[in-house]
């Protein structure tokens, strides 16, 4: 812990804190802590800054490095837990552990215990109105509760969160959604201590919901009263036990780093025989324990946090760390009683038994070995790709349906309309499909550049029931004006919140806007959204669906005959239902996404001020375009990224202290591969950051040229090892193969072919690749530098845009004019061995 290293880390912590200053998540979390007992650790500032780690300690005569060394004394072997997960034998792993960890001292330290609960009576029965940075109204009700970690076998909070957070008919959310008051709802326990815990109910409100806050709170307490009056139901508990046991027994294998972190956390909380299970398997039915927690969810113990821009000018306090404006007032049990009485009279009731809980876990027999996805069926309306599960022996299946609708994206209005169509579909399905998600059947519907995709995954037993419901909802789509209005309102706010996104996210967006054809700017989509009416969506949807082709992929515990049957059912439901809006698409209409080809030896700049004038952070994204998807070029670029990413981080972040967010990584835009260096900073302006990136590449040139044979082979082996890492679960495998189908490349043997080329790669070839494409002034280096200037660097922005362009540079002032002047790469869809529509 050298003095220099300590100072560098303080600067990194401060940079991270400045990144969070305008984040509503951090601001509200700290406000909750602020309104707690001042002598409790929970009340404290939870991260760190230059002020807390440098300025204030110095004022008190403290040496922060000496304080760190004192703090280090708490690291004692008796307080530590260790998990090592490897493919070696247990004897080998034990020997490794003894060699590496036996020197850790046991100073017999005591583990820290928090003093009681952080909330006293003065911090309860509060209504806190807070002013957020972003658009959107949020409501959160919080109660202090007994941590259920002490009775994890009974799982009382799990039982209650299942009912309070339910989204099916009769639930709190279903009623307030139908009333047009809320867009989502989450309920559950959250804690970072075994001494105290909180149960919360959170939701995003609509504008109408903001006006009915008291009714919503009253309705929630009404439901809590219903739970008390109705009593605890053993069938509901047993249903949860069945779901949890199935989920545990058939859980997907996860990445080792996640597994060891989860397991080591369990070791701190549970006895050895429960380390691998933790709190995931409640099994003891204990109505008294559930009622104990339910009694704690009372008007006497509630804290209500309400965020809205509508509170502008009506707050009277400021939280000290993030400067969040707020006001706090008492909300007594008698007031809440009045809210309960005037709450909506809609019928609240408990959920019905879950029809989606799987019963059949049998594995289908695979009669022939199918290594890669194959086309099982093709008609003018659809194509079916199929691959059985050959690796995981799990009763699960993944189904992806790509609705290719070329009329979905020809204008900003079309993109916005397609997005609202998808949002409405998800909204209509929510109440019915919520039970499926509880039972381990997951689905998503999302827009793509040429239509929308449906994904369904999970246990195959009830998969077709869910899929059929989704397809029927799509085939019989109608626009419900009340839901259209609520979703449009939310969408408008989400688009407006782009202005409050991190500057590095804005910079990355501008890179995509420059590179991609048929990509519409956010400002034009915002304008289109503001004008759209439900009537225009009613007209648009039949127009969009009148040209459709379905690309389907089925993988998992399913036989070929059943996959064909599903494809036929999809076709029949979508195209052959009476009054169906869907019509076949001719091959000539097939849409492809293409990417701008940059010019050799030319560095293009795009400089712009950040969209939030209060954000101090600036950012640069330096994008170096290299090649279109090609196995030999892929491995060379991947190898460079592997070799350079850590030194870039070390030089630009650790040594030069330019900013907390710093990375060098690969980027692929529709098969066009590139290097991307990202820095976000409050201390330096983007032009300076861009120059430092160039200096890093100049400095690193000698490292590449002087790379020893030993280091070259070591890095090649590391890349080969990472490529040969097996898929962990069915979703990972499906995601990889669908990626090849969706891109049109069909390189299902990509891993094997690239590993074979890596084994033959010579160091000289790698260096020649670097000299041609990557090094500064390389003959085929093609670069865009997008620079977003924060409010700290307004003067530097004015100076930058007034400067003359250096040689071999081009300043982009009109993105769309620039795009029209450049050629495009060919599409990966089509050509030899690739997907065509014919």
Foldseek 3Di string as FASTA:
>chain_A
DDPLLLVLVQLLQQQVLLLCLQPQVLVVCLVLLCLWAPVWPSVDNDTHHCCRQPVVCVVVVHDSVVVVVVVCVQQAPVLADDDDDDPDDPVVVVVVCCVPPVPGHHPPDDDDATDADRHDLVSFQKEKEWEHNFAFKKKKKKFKFQPCLVVLLQPLQVLVQCQQQACAPLHLNVVCVVVLFFDHKGWGKDDDHNRIIMTMIMTTTFPVNVVLVLLSLLVSVVVLVVPVVVADDVVSVVLLQLLLVVCLVQPFFDDPVVQRVQLRVQVNRDPPVCSNPRSSHRDDHDRVVNVRRSVRSASSGMYMYMYHNVCVPVFDDASPSSRITMHMDGRHNVNSVVSNVPHDPPRRDTDDDQPQQFDDWDFADDPDADPAWDFLDDDLAETETEAEDPDRSGQKKKKKKDKFFQQQQQFLLSVLLLQLQQVVLCVVCPNVCSSNVSNFWDWHWGADNGHIMIMIMGHPRCRVVSVLVSLLCNQPPDQDQSSSVSVLSVVLSVLVCVLVDRQLVVLVVVVCLLWKPSDDDSVRNSVSSVPDHRVVSRVVVLVRQQEIHIYMYMYYRDDSVVSVVVVVSSCCSQPVDPPGSHHYHDQVSGDFMWTFDFFFLFEEEEEEARSDQPSLKKKKKKKKWAAFADLLLVLLVVLCQLVCFVVQCCVVCSVVVFRNDWTWDWDADLRGIIIIIMHMHNPDFLVVVVVVVLVSLVVCLVVLVPPDPVNLVVSLVVVLVVLPPDDRGPVSLVVVSVVCQVSQQNPRVSSVVNNVSSVVDDSVVSSVSCQQGPHNSHRGIGIYMYIYHHNSCPVVSVVVVPDDDDPSYHYDPDSVVSSVVTDIDDGSADDPPTHGSD
